[in-house]
Structure formats: structure tokens, C-alpha cells
Protein backbone atom coordinates (compact mmCIF):
# COMPACT_ATOMS: atom_id res chain seq x y z
CA MET A 1 13.47 17.12 -5.18
CA ILE A 2 9.72 16.72 -6.01
CA SER A 3 7.46 19.01 -4.19
CA GLN A 4 4.05 17.89 -2.48
CA GLU A 5 2.49 19.83 -5.02
CA ASN A 6 3.18 17.41 -7.57
CA TRP A 7 2.33 14.33 -5.81
CA VAL A 8 -0.91 12.56 -7.29
CA TRP A 9 -3.24 11.11 -4.61
CA TYR A 10 -5.40 8.05 -5.70
CA GLY A 11 -8.60 6.96 -4.13
CA SER A 12 -8.05 3.52 -4.56
CA PRO A 13 -5.43 0.69 -3.14
CA GLN A 14 -2.57 0.37 -5.66
CA HIS A 15 -1.08 -3.23 -4.62
CA PHE A 16 -2.10 -6.59 -2.76
CA CYS A 17 -4.55 -8.94 -4.34
CA CYS A 18 -7.24 -8.68 -2.01
CA ALA A 19 -6.87 -4.91 -1.39
CA SER A 20 -10.55 -4.56 -2.27
CA MET A 21 -11.18 -6.00 1.45
CA CYS A 22 -8.93 -3.56 3.15
CA ARG A 23 -10.58 -1.05 4.96
CA PHE A 24 -7.20 1.42 4.75
CA HIS A 25 -5.47 2.50 2.01
CA LEU A 26 -3.27 5.06 0.67
CA ALA A 27 -1.64 5.76 -2.76
CA THR A 28 0.23 8.39 -4.21
CA LYS A 29 2.59 8.84 -7.26
CA VAL A 30 5.77 10.51 -6.82
CA GLY A 31 7.66 11.21 -10.16
CA GLU A 32 8.14 7.81 -11.16
CA TYR A 33 7.23 5.98 -8.16
CA ILE A 34 3.63 4.83 -6.69
CA ILE A 35 3.81 4.79 -3.04
CA SER A 36 1.04 2.28 -1.96
CA THR A 37 -0.36 1.44 1.54
CA VAL A 38 -3.05 -0.91 2.70
CA GLY A 39 -4.45 -2.58 5.96
CA ASN A 40 -7.29 -3.10 8.12
CA TYR A 41 -7.99 -6.47 6.05
CA HIS A 42 -11.16 -8.18 6.66
CA SER A 43 -11.44 -11.16 4.35
CA LEU A 44 -14.95 -12.67 4.00
CA LEU A 45 -14.26 -15.96 5.99
CA LYS A 46 -16.05 -16.08 9.32
CA LEU A 47 -14.03 -15.84 11.82
CA GLU A 48 -13.86 -19.23 13.38
CA ASP A 49 -12.48 -20.14 10.09
CA LYS A 50 -9.66 -17.93 9.65
CA LEU A 51 -6.44 -19.43 9.71
CA ARG A 52 -4.35 -16.09 10.09
CA ASP A 53 -3.80 -14.11 12.86
CA ILE A 54 -6.19 -11.13 13.72
CA ASN A 55 -6.17 -8.14 15.93
CA GLU A 56 -8.54 -6.76 18.22
CA ASP A 57 -10.57 -4.96 15.49
CA GLY A 58 -11.18 -8.31 13.67
CA ALA A 59 -8.46 -7.43 11.06
CA GLU A 60 -6.11 -10.05 9.39
CA GLU A 61 -2.59 -9.69 8.77
CA VAL A 62 -1.67 -8.75 5.25
CA GLY A 63 1.46 -9.93 5.50
CA CYS A 64 3.42 -12.23 8.05
CA GLY A 65 3.61 -10.19 11.23
CA ARG A 66 2.02 -7.14 9.96
CA PHE A 67 -1.88 -5.67 10.12
CA TYR A 68 -0.57 -2.54 7.23
CA GLU A 69 2.24 -2.46 4.83
CA THR A 70 3.64 0.32 2.47
CA MET A 71 5.03 -0.83 -0.95
CA VAL A 72 6.74 1.36 -3.41
CA PHE A 73 6.73 0.37 -7.28
CA LEU A 74 8.50 1.80 -10.11
CA CYS A 75 5.91 3.33 -12.98
CA GLY A 76 5.70 3.94 -16.30
CA GLU A 77 3.81 3.76 -19.59
CA GLU A 78 3.52 0.03 -19.94
CA ASP A 79 0.02 -1.15 -18.10
CA LYS A 80 1.23 -4.60 -16.35
CA GLU A 81 -3.00 -5.33 -15.95
CA CYS A 82 -2.55 -5.39 -12.06
CA GLY A 83 -6.19 -3.55 -12.18
CA CYS A 84 -5.13 -0.54 -9.85
CA HIS A 85 -5.17 1.87 -12.68
CA VAL A 86 -1.50 2.94 -12.50
CA ASN A 87 0.93 1.83 -15.32
CA ILE A 88 3.74 -0.35 -13.08
CA THR A 89 6.85 -0.98 -14.93
CA ASP A 90 8.17 -3.86 -12.53
CA LEU A 91 5.59 -5.86 -10.33
CA SER A 92 8.29 -6.28 -8.04
CA GLU A 93 8.46 -3.66 -5.16
CA VAL A 94 11.61 -1.51 -4.85
CA ASP A 95 10.93 -0.56 -1.31
CA PHE A 96 8.85 -2.06 1.80
CA LYS A 97 7.76 -1.48 5.20
CA GLY A 98 5.32 -3.09 7.39
CA TYR A 99 3.16 -1.52 10.85
CA GLN A 100 0.93 -2.59 13.13
CA THR A 101 -1.20 0.18 13.55
CA ALA A 102 -3.38 2.97 10.97
CA SER A 103 -1.41 5.53 12.67
CA GLU A 104 1.90 4.20 11.89
CA ALA A 105 0.51 3.26 8.44
CA ASN A 106 -0.45 6.90 7.41
CA ALA A 107 3.02 8.50 8.86
CA GLY A 108 5.05 5.89 7.33
CA HIS A 109 3.19 5.96 4.30
CA PHE A 110 4.11 9.88 4.29
CA ARG A 111 7.71 9.15 5.13
CA MET A 112 8.03 6.70 2.39
CA CYS A 113 6.89 9.73 -0.22
CA GLU A 114 8.95 12.12 1.36
CA LYS A 115 12.22 9.64 1.04
CA TYR A 116 11.21 9.13 -3.02
CA ALA A 117 10.41 12.94 -3.66
CA GLU A 118 14.20 13.76 -2.31
CA GLU A 119 15.84 11.06 -4.66
CA GLN A 120 14.20 12.56 -7.53
């Protein structure tokens, strides 16, 4: 088990190619894993030009049927040039969860951190 005192919190999003346009992001390194949550995505397209579903705040889906998502990646020493300042061993996620609200995403991010803290 990895205690919360040993979790590393990052101030930048750690996945999603359009993460710079997400107004919500959490990223935590728990042992060998990085847990990344993004959402509240607002692209630079004009509202009338958007092809994706939007919510009441004008945010677009980050993926099919979800406005927020958490993905977990294995970390290592080799940098895969993903631009997120964390060395990710494999760009394929090892775990995933989608959400509809910021509150669900916040709670889900923490649950995912706890899950991977217990597994190590």
C-alpha cells in the first residue's frame, strides 16, 4: 500500500491530445502509475460549428458519451514524448472511467488513486 503522503500531484493534465482546452484536470502519480482526469472541454470552434454533443455549460464531450474521464498509465523512466512531463512506459491506458459531472470526476479520480495505492 502506498500512503497518500507519497502520492505526487501535478498541476497539468497528463493525457488527452486537447487537454490544454480542458478547464478541469487532475493528475496524480501513485507509485508506478499516473492517474489523469480531464474534462470540461471547450474547443476553439464556434458553438454553431461544433459537431460534438455539449452540456449546459457549453463543454464538449471528451469521449463518446462522457464530459470527464480518468485514465491510468504505467510510468517509467522512458519518455514517450507525450508532452505531459511524466515518463509513461506505455501510452495504452491500464484503466479507465468516464463521468458526466465535475463532482463525479473529482470523486472518481480519488477512488482510482486509492485503488492503485492498495495494489502496490
